[in-house]
Amino acid sequence: MTWDAWVLTLLISVTLIIVVGVLIEDISGVADYEKRLRDDDDTHLVSIRVRGRESLEHQLAATGHGRHRRSS
């Protein structure tokens, strides 16, 4: 392989490592937040911005699990 093929291979490898690392960080962050929600008593739900997504509070309100949910 020539030096430019090695550089291209290195660039692709580094890019893939970064992408996989960001995906793993996002997945684990959402899982941690969902676990905290399950452990919380749901009385003081706060709005947390997830990168590039709507706020979790808005998503929960849309599914009926938010702060203003009807008591049963």
Protein backbone atom coordinates (compact mmCIF):
# COMPACT_ATOMS: atom_id res chain seq x y z
CA MET A 1 0.00 0.00 0.00
CA THR A 2 1.15 3.50 -0.72
CA TRP A 3 1.38 6.21 1.91
CA ASP A 4 -1.86 7.89 0.73
CA ALA A 5 -3.75 4.62 1.14
CA TRP A 6 -2.38 4.34 4.69
CA VAL A 7 -3.47 7.92 5.46
CA LEU A 8 -6.95 7.26 4.05
CA THR A 9 -7.24 4.05 6.07
CA LEU A 10 -6.13 5.89 9.21
CA LEU A 11 -8.64 8.70 8.63
CA ILE A 12 -11.50 6.24 8.11
CA SER A 13 -10.50 4.27 11.22
CA VAL A 14 -10.32 7.37 13.43
CA THR A 15 -13.68 8.59 12.09
CA LEU A 16 -15.34 5.24 12.82
CA ILE A 17 -13.88 5.16 16.35
CA ILE A 18 -15.22 8.65 17.06
CA VAL A 19 -18.68 7.84 15.64
CA VAL A 20 -18.96 4.61 17.64
CA GLY A 21 -17.78 6.39 20.80
CA VAL A 22 -20.40 9.13 20.42
CA LEU A 23 -23.15 6.57 19.81
CA ILE A 24 -22.16 4.57 22.88
CA GLU A 25 -22.07 7.75 24.99
CA ASP A 26 -25.53 8.80 23.77
CA ILE A 27 -27.05 5.37 24.38
CA SER A 28 -25.59 5.06 27.87
CA GLY A 29 -26.63 8.63 28.75
CA VAL A 30 -30.24 7.99 27.75
CA ALA A 31 -30.26 4.67 29.65
CA ASP A 32 -28.90 6.39 32.78
CA TYR A 33 -31.55 9.10 32.54
CA GLU A 34 -34.34 6.53 32.08
CA LYS A 35 -33.07 4.63 35.14
CA ARG A 36 -33.09 7.84 37.19
CA LEU A 37 -36.65 8.46 36.02
CA ARG A 38 -37.72 5.00 37.19
CA ASP A 39 -35.96 5.53 40.54
CA ASP A 40 -37.43 9.02 40.99
CA ASP A 41 -40.83 9.56 42.57
CA ASP A 42 -41.87 11.62 39.51
CA THR A 43 -42.71 14.71 41.59
CA HIS A 44 -39.93 16.94 40.33
CA LEU A 45 -39.32 15.95 36.74
CA VAL A 46 -36.96 18.39 35.10
CA SER A 47 -36.52 19.15 31.46
CA ILE A 48 -33.23 17.83 30.12
CA ARG A 49 -32.09 18.59 26.60
CA VAL A 50 -30.82 15.58 24.75
CA ARG A 51 -28.39 16.56 22.03
CA GLY A 52 -30.20 16.99 18.72
CA ARG A 53 -33.55 15.82 20.07
CA GLU A 54 -36.62 17.34 21.67
CA SER A 55 -36.56 17.73 25.40
CA LEU A 56 -37.34 14.55 27.32
CA GLU A 57 -40.07 16.34 29.25
CA HIS A 58 -41.87 17.09 25.98
CA GLN A 59 -41.54 13.46 24.89
CA LEU A 60 -42.85 12.23 28.23
CA ALA A 61 -45.76 14.67 28.15
CA ALA A 62 -46.70 13.39 24.71
CA THR A 63 -46.90 9.84 26.05
CA GLY A 64 -48.80 10.81 29.19
CA HIS A 65 -45.92 10.22 31.62
CA GLY A 66 -44.98 13.82 32.23
CA ARG A 67 -45.35 16.16 35.17
CA HIS A 68 -49.01 16.99 34.42
CA ARG A 69 -50.24 13.44 34.22
CA ARG A 70 -53.65 12.61 35.62
CA SER A 71 -53.55 10.91 39.00
CA SER A 72 -55.27 7.56 39.20
